[in-house]
All heavy atoms as atom14 arrays in JSON, in Angstrom:
{
  "sequence": "ASIIERTSGLNVHEFAKKYLFSPLGIENSEWTHFPDINLHAAASGLR",
  "atom14_mask": [
    [1, 1, 1, 1, 1, 0, 0, 0, 0, 0, 0, 0, 0, 0],
    [1, 1, 1, 1, 1, 1, 0, 0, 0, 0, 0, 0, 0, 0],
    [1, 1, 1, 1, 1, 1, 1, 1, 0, 0, 0, 0, 0, 0],
    [1, 1, 1, 1, 1, 1, 1, 1, 0, 0, 0, 0, 0, 0],
    [1, 1, 1, 1, 1, 1, 1, 1, 1, 0, 0, 0, 0, 0],
    [1, 1, 1, 1, 1, 1, 1, 1, 1, 1, 1, 0, 0, 0],
    [1, 1, 1, 1, 1, 1, 1, 0, 0, 0, 0, 0, 0, 0],
    [1, 1, 1, 1, 1, 1, 0, 0, 0, 0, 0, 0, 0, 0],
    [1, 1, 1, 1, 0, 0, 0, 0, 0, 0, 0, 0, 0, 0],
    [1, 1, 1, 1, 1, 1, 1, 1, 0, 0, 0, 0, 0, 0],
    [1, 1, 1, 1, 1, 1, 1, 1, 0, 0, 0, 0, 0, 0],
    [1, 1, 1, 1, 1, 1, 1, 0, 0, 0, 0, 0, 0, 0],
    [1, 1, 1, 1, 1, 1, 1, 1, 1, 1, 0, 0, 0, 0],
    [1, 1, 1, 1, 1, 1, 1, 1, 1, 0, 0, 0, 0, 0],
    [1, 1, 1, 1, 1, 1, 1, 1, 1, 1, 1, 0, 0, 0],
    [1, 1, 1, 1, 1, 0, 0, 0, 0, 0, 0, 0, 0, 0],
    [1, 1, 1, 1, 1, 1, 1, 1, 1, 0, 0, 0, 0, 0],
    [1, 1, 1, 1, 1, 1, 1, 1, 1, 0, 0, 0, 0, 0],
    [1, 1, 1, 1, 1, 1, 1, 1, 1, 1, 1, 1, 0, 0],
    [1, 1, 1, 1, 1, 1, 1, 1, 0, 0, 0, 0, 0, 0],
    [1, 1, 1, 1, 1, 1, 1, 1, 1, 1, 1, 0, 0, 0],
    [1, 1, 1, 1, 1, 1, 0, 0, 0, 0, 0, 0, 0, 0],
    [1, 1, 1, 1, 1, 1, 1, 0, 0, 0, 0, 0, 0, 0],
    [1, 1, 1, 1, 1, 1, 1, 1, 0, 0, 0, 0, 0, 0],
    [1, 1, 1, 1, 0, 0, 0, 0, 0, 0, 0, 0, 0, 0],
    [1, 1, 1, 1, 1, 1, 1, 1, 0, 0, 0, 0, 0, 0],
    [1, 1, 1, 1, 1, 1, 1, 1, 1, 0, 0, 0, 0, 0],
    [1, 1, 1, 1, 1, 1, 1, 1, 0, 0, 0, 0, 0, 0],
    [1, 1, 1, 1, 1, 1, 0, 0, 0, 0, 0, 0, 0, 0],
    [1, 1, 1, 1, 1, 1, 1, 1, 1, 0, 0, 0, 0, 0],
    [1, 1, 1, 1, 1, 1, 1, 1, 1, 1, 1, 1, 1, 1],
    [1, 1, 1, 1, 1, 1, 1, 0, 0, 0, 0, 0, 0, 0],
    [1, 1, 1, 1, 1, 1, 1, 1, 1, 1, 0, 0, 0, 0],
    [1, 1, 1, 1, 1, 1, 1, 1, 1, 1, 1, 0, 0, 0],
    [1, 1, 1, 1, 1, 1, 1, 0, 0, 0, 0, 0, 0, 0],
    [1, 1, 1, 1, 1, 1, 1, 1, 0, 0, 0, 0, 0, 0],
    [1, 1, 1, 1, 1, 1, 1, 1, 0, 0, 0, 0, 0, 0],
    [1, 1, 1, 1, 1, 1, 1, 1, 0, 0, 0, 0, 0, 0],
    [1, 1, 1, 1, 1, 1, 1, 1, 0, 0, 0, 0, 0, 0],
    [1, 1, 1, 1, 1, 1, 1, 1, 1, 1, 0, 0, 0, 0],
    [1, 1, 1, 1, 1, 0, 0, 0, 0, 0, 0, 0, 0, 0],
    [1, 1, 1, 1, 1, 0, 0, 0, 0, 0, 0, 0, 0, 0],
    [1, 1, 1, 1, 1, 0, 0, 0, 0, 0, 0, 0, 0, 0],
    [1, 1, 1, 1, 1, 1, 0, 0, 0, 0, 0, 0, 0, 0],
    [1, 1, 1, 1, 0, 0, 0, 0, 0, 0, 0, 0, 0, 0],
    [1, 1, 1, 1, 1, 1, 1, 1, 0, 0, 0, 0, 0, 0],
    [1, 1, 1, 1, 1, 1, 1, 1, 1, 1, 1, 0, 0, 0]
  ],
  "atom14_positions": [
    [[1.63, -0.75, 8.84], [0.73, -0.8, 7.68], [-0.67, -1.2, 8.1], [-1.67, -0.68, 7.57], [1.28, -1.79, 6.65], [0.0, 0.0, 0.0], [0.0, 0.0, 0.0], [0.0, 0.0, 0.0], [0.0, 0.0, 0.0], [0.0, 0.0, 0.0], [0.0, 0.0, 0.0], [0.0, 0.0, 0.0], [0.0, 0.0, 0.0], [0.0, 0.0, 0.0]],
    [[-0.76, -2.11, 9.05], [-2.06, -2.54, 9.55], [-2.8, -1.4, 10.27], [-4.01, -1.22, 10.12], [-1.88, -3.73, 10.51], [-3.08, -4.08, 11.12], [0.0, 0.0, 0.0], [0.0, 0.0, 0.0], [0.0, 0.0, 0.0], [0.0, 0.0, 0.0], [0.0, 0.0, 0.0], [0.0, 0.0, 0.0], [0.0, 0.0, 0.0], [0.0, 0.0, 0.0]],
    [[-2.04, -0.61, 11.02], [-2.63, 0.55, 11.71], [-3.16, 1.57, 10.71], [-4.22, 2.18, 10.91], [-1.58, 1.17, 12.67], [-1.35, 0.23, 13.86], [-2.03, 2.55, 13.15], [-0.17, 0.61, 14.73], [0.0, 0.0, 0.0], [0.0, 0.0, 0.0], [0.0, 0.0, 0.0], [0.0, 0.0, 0.0], [0.0, 0.0, 0.0], [0.0, 0.0, 0.0]],
    [[-2.44, 1.77, 9.61], [-2.92, 2.66, 8.54], [-4.27, 2.18, 8.03], [-5.21, 2.96, 7.85], [-1.88, 2.74, 7.4], [-0.67, 3.52, 7.86], [-2.5, 3.36, 6.15], [0.53, 3.4, 6.93], [0.0, 0.0, 0.0], [0.0, 0.0, 0.0], [0.0, 0.0, 0.0], [0.0, 0.0, 0.0], [0.0, 0.0, 0.0], [0.0, 0.0, 0.0]],
    [[-4.38, 0.88, 7.8], [-5.64, 0.34, 7.27], [-6.76, 0.46, 8.29], [-7.9, 0.8, 7.94], [-5.45, -1.12, 6.86], [-6.7, -1.72, 6.24], [-6.44, -3.04, 5.54], [-5.29, -3.52, 5.55], [-7.41, -3.59, 4.95], [0.0, 0.0, 0.0], [0.0, 0.0, 0.0], [0.0, 0.0, 0.0], [0.0, 0.0, 0.0], [0.0, 0.0, 0.0]],
    [[-6.45, 0.2, 9.57], [-7.48, 0.26, 10.6], [-7.97, 1.67, 10.86], [-9.11, 1.88, 11.3], [-6.96, -0.38, 11.89], [-6.87, -1.9, 11.8], [-6.13, -2.54, 12.97], [-6.15, -3.98, 12.83], [-7.02, -4.8, 13.42], [-7.96, -4.3, 14.21], [-6.98, -6.09, 13.23], [0.0, 0.0, 0.0], [0.0, 0.0, 0.0], [0.0, 0.0, 0.0]],
    [[-7.14, 2.66, 10.61], [-7.54, 4.05, 10.87], [-8.1, 4.77, 9.66], [-8.74, 5.82, 9.78], [-6.36, 4.86, 11.43], [-5.27, 4.81, 10.5], [-5.89, 4.31, 12.76], [0.0, 0.0, 0.0], [0.0, 0.0, 0.0], [0.0, 0.0, 0.0], [0.0, 0.0, 0.0], [0.0, 0.0, 0.0], [0.0, 0.0, 0.0], [0.0, 0.0, 0.0]],
    [[-7.85, 4.21, 8.45], [-8.28, 4.91, 7.23], [-9.27, 4.11, 6.4], [-9.95, 4.68, 5.54], [-7.05, 5.22, 6.36], [-6.51, 4.05, 5.81], [0.0, 0.0, 0.0], [0.0, 0.0, 0.0], [0.0, 0.0, 0.0], [0.0, 0.0, 0.0], [0.0, 0.0, 0.0], [0.0, 0.0, 0.0], [0.0, 0.0, 0.0], [0.0, 0.0, 0.0]],
    [[-9.32, 2.79, 6.62], [-10.16, 1.95, 5.78], [-9.52, 1.61, 4.45], [-10.12, 0.92, 3.62], [0.0, 0.0, 0.0], [0.0, 0.0, 0.0], [0.0, 0.0, 0.0], [0.0, 0.0, 0.0], [0.0, 0.0, 0.0], [0.0, 0.0, 0.0], [0.0, 0.0, 0.0], [0.0, 0.0, 0.0], [0.0, 0.0, 0.0], [0.0, 0.0, 0.0]],
    [[-8.3, 2.08, 4.23], [-7.56, 1.79, 3.0], [-6.36, 0.92, 3.32], [-5.69, 1.14, 4.34], [-7.06, 3.09, 2.36], [-8.11, 4.15, 2.0], [-7.43, 5.43, 1.55], [-9.04, 3.63, 0.91], [0.0, 0.0, 0.0], [0.0, 0.0, 0.0], [0.0, 0.0, 0.0], [0.0, 0.0, 0.0], [0.0, 0.0, 0.0], [0.0, 0.0, 0.0]],
    [[-6.09, -0.06, 2.46], [-4.86, -0.81, 2.68], [-3.65, 0.08, 2.41], [-3.8, 1.17, 1.84], [-4.82, -2.1, 1.87], [-4.74, -1.87, 0.36], [-3.94, -1.09, -0.12], [-5.62, -2.56, -0.39], [0.0, 0.0, 0.0], [0.0, 0.0, 0.0], [0.0, 0.0, 0.0], [0.0, 0.0, 0.0], [0.0, 0.0, 0.0], [0.0, 0.0, 0.0]],
    [[-2.48, -0.37, 2.8], [-1.31, 0.51, 2.76], [-1.0, 0.99, 1.34], [-0.58, 2.14, 1.15], [-0.08, -0.19, 3.39], [0.38, -1.4, 2.56], [1.07, 0.78, 3.59], [0.0, 0.0, 0.0], [0.0, 0.0, 0.0], [0.0, 0.0, 0.0], [0.0, 0.0, 0.0], [0.0, 0.0, 0.0], [0.0, 0.0, 0.0], [0.0, 0.0, 0.0]],
    [[-1.22, 0.16, 0.35], [-0.95, 0.58, -1.03], [-1.97, 1.62, -1.49], [-1.61, 2.63, -2.11], [-0.96, -0.62, -1.97], [-0.37, -0.34, -3.31], [-0.59, -1.13, -4.41], [0.43, 0.69, -3.75], [0.06, -0.64, -5.45], [0.67, 0.46, -5.09], [0.0, 0.0, 0.0], [0.0, 0.0, 0.0], [0.0, 0.0, 0.0], [0.0, 0.0, 0.0]],
    [[-3.25, 1.4, -1.19], [-4.28, 2.37, -1.54], [-4.02, 3.72, -0.85], [-4.16, 4.78, -1.47], [-5.66, 1.85, -1.12], [-6.13, 0.65, -1.93], [-7.37, 0.0, -1.32], [-7.62, 0.18, -0.1], [-8.07, -0.71, -2.06], [0.0, 0.0, 0.0], [0.0, 0.0, 0.0], [0.0, 0.0, 0.0], [0.0, 0.0, 0.0], [0.0, 0.0, 0.0]],
    [[-3.65, 3.66, 0.42], [-3.37, 4.88, 1.17], [-2.16, 5.61, 0.58], [-2.21, 6.83, 0.38], [-3.1, 4.54, 2.65], [-3.01, 5.73, 3.55], [-4.11, 6.19, 4.23], [-1.79, 6.4, 3.73], [-4.03, 7.3, 5.08], [-1.69, 7.5, 4.57], [-2.82, 7.95, 5.23], [0.0, 0.0, 0.0], [0.0, 0.0, 0.0], [0.0, 0.0, 0.0]],
    [[-1.11, 4.86, 0.28], [0.09, 5.48, -0.28], [-0.23, 6.11, -1.64], [0.23, 7.23, -1.92], [1.19, 4.44, -0.42], [0.0, 0.0, 0.0], [0.0, 0.0, 0.0], [0.0, 0.0, 0.0], [0.0, 0.0, 0.0], [0.0, 0.0, 0.0], [0.0, 0.0, 0.0], [0.0, 0.0, 0.0], [0.0, 0.0, 0.0], [0.0, 0.0, 0.0]],
    [[-0.98, 5.42, -2.47], [-1.3, 5.96, -3.79], [-2.11, 7.25, -3.67], [-1.88, 8.21, -4.43], [-2.06, 4.92, -4.62], [-1.18, 3.8, -5.15], [-1.88, 2.95, -6.19], [-2.95, 2.07, -5.61], [-3.52, 1.13, -6.63], [0.0, 0.0, 0.0], [0.0, 0.0, 0.0], [0.0, 0.0, 0.0], [0.0, 0.0, 0.0], [0.0, 0.0, 0.0]],
    [[-3.05, 7.3, -2.73], [-3.92, 8.45, -2.62], [-3.24, 9.65, -2.0], [-3.39, 10.79, -2.48], [-5.17, 8.07, -1.8], [-6.2, 9.19, -1.7], [-7.48, 8.7, -1.03], [-8.53, 9.81, -0.99], [-9.81, 9.34, -0.39], [0.0, 0.0, 0.0], [0.0, 0.0, 0.0], [0.0, 0.0, 0.0], [0.0, 0.0, 0.0], [0.0, 0.0, 0.0]],
    [[-2.49, 9.42, -0.92], [-1.99, 10.55, -0.13], [-0.49, 10.83, -0.28], [-0.02, 11.89, 0.14], [-2.3, 10.31, 1.35], [-3.78, 10.27, 1.65], [-4.4, 9.1, 2.06], [-4.56, 11.42, 1.5], [-5.77, 9.06, 2.33], [-5.93, 11.4, 1.76], [-6.52, 10.21, 2.18], [-7.87, 10.19, 2.44], [0.0, 0.0, 0.0], [0.0, 0.0, 0.0]],
    [[0.25, 9.91, -0.89], [1.69, 10.11, -1.05], [2.1, 10.06, -2.52], [2.68, 11.01, -3.04], [2.46, 9.05, -0.25], [4.0, 9.11, -0.33], [4.52, 10.43, 0.23], [4.63, 7.93, 0.42], [0.0, 0.0, 0.0], [0.0, 0.0, 0.0], [0.0, 0.0, 0.0], [0.0, 0.0, 0.0], [0.0, 0.0, 0.0], [0.0, 0.0, 0.0]],
    [[1.78, 8.97, -3.19], [2.22, 8.81, -4.57], [1.56, 9.82, -5.51], [2.24, 10.45, -6.33], [1.95, 7.39, -5.07], [2.72, 6.33, -4.34], [2.39, 4.98, -4.5], [3.78, 6.64, -3.51], [3.11, 3.99, -3.85], [4.51, 5.66, -2.86], [4.17, 4.33, -3.02], [0.0, 0.0, 0.0], [0.0, 0.0, 0.0], [0.0, 0.0, 0.0]],
    [[0.26, 9.97, -5.43], [-0.44, 10.87, -6.34], [0.06, 12.31, -6.23], [0.34, 12.96, -7.24], [-1.96, 10.81, -6.1], [-2.64, 11.69, -6.97], [0.0, 0.0, 0.0], [0.0, 0.0, 0.0], [0.0, 0.0, 0.0], [0.0, 0.0, 0.0], [0.0, 0.0, 0.0], [0.0, 0.0, 0.0], [0.0, 0.0, 0.0], [0.0, 0.0, 0.0]],
    [[0.22, 12.86, -5.0], [0.76, 14.22, -4.9], [2.17, 14.35, -5.46], [2.55, 15.42, -5.94], [0.76, 14.49, -3.4], [-0.32, 13.61, -2.85], [-0.26, 12.37, -3.68], [0.0, 0.0, 0.0], [0.0, 0.0, 0.0], [0.0, 0.0, 0.0], [0.0, 0.0, 0.0], [0.0, 0.0, 0.0], [0.0, 0.0, 0.0], [0.0, 0.0, 0.0]],
    [[2.96, 13.25, -5.42], [4.32, 13.28, -5.95], [4.36, 13.01, -7.46], [5.43, 13.04, -8.06], [5.18, 12.24, -5.23], [5.52, 12.51, -3.77], [6.33, 11.36, -3.18], [6.29, 13.81, -3.61], [0.0, 0.0, 0.0], [0.0, 0.0, 0.0], [0.0, 0.0, 0.0], [0.0, 0.0, 0.0], [0.0, 0.0, 0.0], [0.0, 0.0, 0.0]],
    [[3.21, 12.74, -8.05], [3.19, 12.43, -9.48], [3.67, 11.03, -9.79], [4.09, 10.74, -10.92], [0.0, 0.0, 0.0], [0.0, 0.0, 0.0], [0.0, 0.0, 0.0], [0.0, 0.0, 0.0], [0.0, 0.0, 0.0], [0.0, 0.0, 0.0], [0.0, 0.0, 0.0], [0.0, 0.0, 0.0], [0.0, 0.0, 0.0], [0.0, 0.0, 0.0]],
    [[3.59, 10.14, -8.8], [3.96, 8.73, -9.0], [2.72, 8.0, -9.51], [1.74, 7.83, -8.77], [4.47, 8.1, -7.7], [5.77, 8.79, -7.26], [4.7, 6.59, -7.87], [6.3, 8.33, -5.92], [0.0, 0.0, 0.0], [0.0, 0.0, 0.0], [0.0, 0.0, 0.0], [0.0, 0.0, 0.0], [0.0, 0.0, 0.0], [0.0, 0.0, 0.0]],
    [[2.76, 7.58, -10.76], [1.57, 7.02, -11.39], [1.57, 5.5, -11.47], [0.51, 4.89, -11.66], [1.45, 7.59, -12.82], [1.29, 9.11, -12.85], [1.22, 9.67, -14.25], [1.51, 8.9, -15.2], [0.9, 10.87, -14.41], [0.0, 0.0, 0.0], [0.0, 0.0, 0.0], [0.0, 0.0, 0.0], [0.0, 0.0, 0.0], [0.0, 0.0, 0.0]],
    [[2.72, 4.88, -11.34], [2.81, 3.44, -11.51], [3.54, 2.81, -10.34], [4.66, 3.2, -10.02], [3.55, 3.11, -12.83], [3.36, 1.66, -13.24], [2.52, 0.95, -12.7], [4.15, 1.23, -14.2], [0.0, 0.0, 0.0], [0.0, 0.0, 0.0], [0.0, 0.0, 0.0], [0.0, 0.0, 0.0], [0.0, 0.0, 0.0], [0.0, 0.0, 0.0]],
    [[2.9, 1.87, -9.68], [3.5, 1.18, -8.56], [2.86, -0.19, -8.39], [1.72, -0.4, -8.82], [3.35, 1.99, -7.26], [1.98, 2.17, -6.94], [0.0, 0.0, 0.0], [0.0, 0.0, 0.0], [0.0, 0.0, 0.0], [0.0, 0.0, 0.0], [0.0, 0.0, 0.0], [0.0, 0.0, 0.0], [0.0, 0.0, 0.0], [0.0, 0.0, 0.0]],
    [[3.56, -1.09, -7.78], [3.03, -2.4, -7.44], [3.44, -2.72, -6.0], [4.5, -2.26, -5.54], [3.58, -3.49, -8.38], [3.14, -3.35, -9.82], [3.8, -4.36, -10.74], [4.64, -5.18, -10.24], [3.5, -4.36, -11.94], [0.0, 0.0, 0.0], [0.0, 0.0, 0.0], [0.0, 0.0, 0.0], [0.0, 0.0, 0.0], [0.0, 0.0, 0.0]],
    [[2.61, -3.51, -5.32], [2.96, -3.92, -3.95], [2.58, -5.38, -3.79], [1.41, -5.74, -3.82], [2.24, -3.05, -2.92], [2.99, -2.93, -1.63], [3.61, -3.92, -0.93], [3.23, -1.71, -0.9], [4.23, -3.43, 0.19], [4.01, -2.06, 0.24], [2.86, -0.38, -1.07], [4.41, -1.13, 1.19], [3.26, 0.54, -0.13], [4.03, 0.18, 1.0]],
    [[3.58, -6.22, -3.64], [3.4, -7.67, -3.59], [2.64, -8.09, -2.32], [2.84, -7.51, -1.26], [4.77, -8.37, -3.62], [5.46, -7.97, -4.81], [4.62, -9.88, -3.6], [0.0, 0.0, 0.0], [0.0, 0.0, 0.0], [0.0, 0.0, 0.0], [0.0, 0.0, 0.0], [0.0, 0.0, 0.0], [0.0, 0.0, 0.0], [0.0, 0.0, 0.0]],
    [[1.79, -9.08, -2.48], [1.06, -9.67, -1.35], [1.81, -10.88, -0.81], [2.64, -11.48, -1.5], [-0.33, -10.13, -1.78], [-1.29, -9.0, -2.03], [-1.19, -8.18, -3.13], [-2.37, -8.57, -1.34], [-2.18, -7.29, -3.11], [-2.9, -7.5, -2.03], [0.0, 0.0, 0.0], [0.0, 0.0, 0.0], [0.0, 0.0, 0.0], [0.0, 0.0, 0.0]],
    [[1.5, -11.25, 0.44], [1.98, -12.52, 0.97], [1.43, -13.64, 0.09], [0.34, -13.51, -0.49], [1.53, -12.7, 2.41], [2.26, -11.83, 3.4], [1.62, -11.36, 4.54], [3.57, -11.46, 3.19], [2.29, -10.57, 5.47], [4.25, -10.66, 4.1], [3.61, -10.22, 5.24], [0.0, 0.0, 0.0], [0.0, 0.0, 0.0], [0.0, 0.0, 0.0]],
    [[2.15, -14.77, 0.0], [1.77, -15.82, -0.94], [0.34, -16.34, -0.8], [-0.37, -16.5, -1.79], [2.78, -16.93, -0.65], [3.95, -16.22, -0.08], [3.4, -15.07, 0.7], [0.0, 0.0, 0.0], [0.0, 0.0, 0.0], [0.0, 0.0, 0.0], [0.0, 0.0, 0.0], [0.0, 0.0, 0.0], [0.0, 0.0, 0.0], [0.0, 0.0, 0.0]],
    [[-0.11, -16.58, 0.42], [-1.42, -17.23, 0.61], [-2.43, -16.36, 1.35], [-3.49, -16.84, 1.75], [-1.22, -18.54, 1.38], [-0.29, -19.49, 0.65], [-0.45, -19.64, -0.58], [0.61, -20.07, 1.3], [0.0, 0.0, 0.0], [0.0, 0.0, 0.0], [0.0, 0.0, 0.0], [0.0, 0.0, 0.0], [0.0, 0.0, 0.0], [0.0, 0.0, 0.0]],
    [[-2.11, -15.08, 1.52], [-2.98, -14.19, 2.29], [-3.16, -12.89, 1.52], [-2.22, -12.39, 0.9], [-2.38, -13.87, 3.68], [-2.06, -15.16, 4.45], [-3.32, -13.01, 4.5], [-1.33, -14.9, 5.75], [0.0, 0.0, 0.0], [0.0, 0.0, 0.0], [0.0, 0.0, 0.0], [0.0, 0.0, 0.0], [0.0, 0.0, 0.0], [0.0, 0.0, 0.0]],
    [[-4.36, -12.33, 1.54], [-4.62, -11.05, 0.88], [-4.13, -9.91, 1.76], [-4.9, -9.14, 2.34], [-6.11, -10.9, 0.58], [-6.39, -9.64, -0.24], [-5.51, -9.16, -0.96], [-7.59, -9.12, -0.11], [0.0, 0.0, 0.0], [0.0, 0.0, 0.0], [0.0, 0.0, 0.0], [0.0, 0.0, 0.0], [0.0, 0.0, 0.0], [0.0, 0.0, 0.0]],
    [[-2.79, -9.85, 1.9], [-2.15, -8.87, 2.78], [-0.86, -8.42, 2.12], [-0.05, -9.24, 1.71], [-1.87, -9.49, 4.15], [-1.34, -8.57, 5.25], [-2.41, -7.55, 5.66], [-0.89, -9.39, 6.45], [0.0, 0.0, 0.0], [0.0, 0.0, 0.0], [0.0, 0.0, 0.0], [0.0, 0.0, 0.0], [0.0, 0.0, 0.0], [0.0, 0.0, 0.0]],
    [[-0.69, -7.1, 2.01], [0.52, -6.59, 1.38], [1.74, -6.87, 2.25], [1.68, -6.75, 3.49], [0.4, -5.07, 1.18], [-0.6, -4.69, 0.13], [-1.94, -4.53, 0.42], [-0.45, -4.44, -1.19], [-2.59, -4.2, -0.69], [-1.72, -4.13, -1.68], [0.0, 0.0, 0.0], [0.0, 0.0, 0.0], [0.0, 0.0, 0.0], [0.0, 0.0, 0.0]],
    [[2.83, -7.24, 1.6], [4.11, -7.43, 2.3], [4.69, -6.05, 2.57], [5.49, -5.52, 1.79], [5.05, -8.27, 1.44], [0.0, 0.0, 0.0], [0.0, 0.0, 0.0], [0.0, 0.0, 0.0], [0.0, 0.0, 0.0], [0.0, 0.0, 0.0], [0.0, 0.0, 0.0], [0.0, 0.0, 0.0], [0.0, 0.0, 0.0], [0.0, 0.0, 0.0]],
    [[4.28, -5.47, 3.69], [4.57, -4.06, 3.96], [6.05, -3.78, 4.07], [6.52, -2.7, 3.67], [3.87, -3.63, 5.25], [0.0, 0.0, 0.0], [0.0, 0.0, 0.0], [0.0, 0.0, 0.0], [0.0, 0.0, 0.0], [0.0, 0.0, 0.0], [0.0, 0.0, 0.0], [0.0, 0.0, 0.0], [0.0, 0.0, 0.0], [0.0, 0.0, 0.0]],
    [[6.81, -4.72, 4.58], [8.22, -4.47, 4.87], [9.12, -4.54, 3.64], [10.25, -4.05, 3.68], [8.72, -5.46, 5.92], [0.0, 0.0, 0.0], [0.0, 0.0, 0.0], [0.0, 0.0, 0.0], [0.0, 0.0, 0.0], [0.0, 0.0, 0.0], [0.0, 0.0, 0.0], [0.0, 0.0, 0.0], [0.0, 0.0, 0.0], [0.0, 0.0, 0.0]],
    [[8.62, -5.14, 2.54], [9.57, -5.4, 1.45], [8.94, -5.54, 0.08], [9.67, -5.76, -0.9], [10.35, -6.68, 1.73], [9.48, -7.8, 1.84], [0.0, 0.0, 0.0], [0.0, 0.0, 0.0], [0.0, 0.0, 0.0], [0.0, 0.0, 0.0], [0.0, 0.0, 0.0], [0.0, 0.0, 0.0], [0.0, 0.0, 0.0], [0.0, 0.0, 0.0]],
    [[7.64, -5.39, -0.07], [6.98, -5.78, -1.31], [6.75, -4.71, -2.35], [6.24, -4.99, -3.43], [0.0, 0.0, 0.0], [0.0, 0.0, 0.0], [0.0, 0.0, 0.0], [0.0, 0.0, 0.0], [0.0, 0.0, 0.0], [0.0, 0.0, 0.0], [0.0, 0.0, 0.0], [0.0, 0.0, 0.0], [0.0, 0.0, 0.0], [0.0, 0.0, 0.0]],
    [[7.17, -3.47, -2.1], [6.85, -2.37, -3.02], [7.78, -2.37, -4.23], [8.96, -2.71, -4.14], [6.98, -1.04, -2.27], [6.66, 0.24, -3.04], [5.24, 0.26, -3.55], [6.93, 1.46, -2.16], [0.0, 0.0, 0.0], [0.0, 0.0, 0.0], [0.0, 0.0, 0.0], [0.0, 0.0, 0.0], [0.0, 0.0, 0.0], [0.0, 0.0, 0.0]],
    [[7.21, -1.98, -5.38], [7.99, -1.79, -6.61], [7.71, -0.39, -7.17], [6.55, -0.01, -7.34], [7.63, -2.86, -7.66], [8.14, -4.23, -7.28], [7.59, -5.3, -8.21], [8.01, -5.15, -9.61], [9.19, -5.52, -10.11], [10.11, -6.06, -9.3], [9.47, -5.37, -11.38], [0.0, 0.0, 0.0], [0.0, 0.0, 0.0], [0.0, 0.0, 0.0]]
  ]
}
C-alpha cells in the first residue's frame, strides 16, 4: 500500500476508489486508519 502511494501520490484508498472501485461501480467504501497515525490499515481495514 505504501508503494502505491509513493508511485501515484494517492493513498491506497484514494487509488482503489479511482482505478478499481469506480470502474466496478463501487460507490461506497470505508478504510480504517491506524489508531494514532494517519495511515490506512492496509491489511485489514477495508469495509
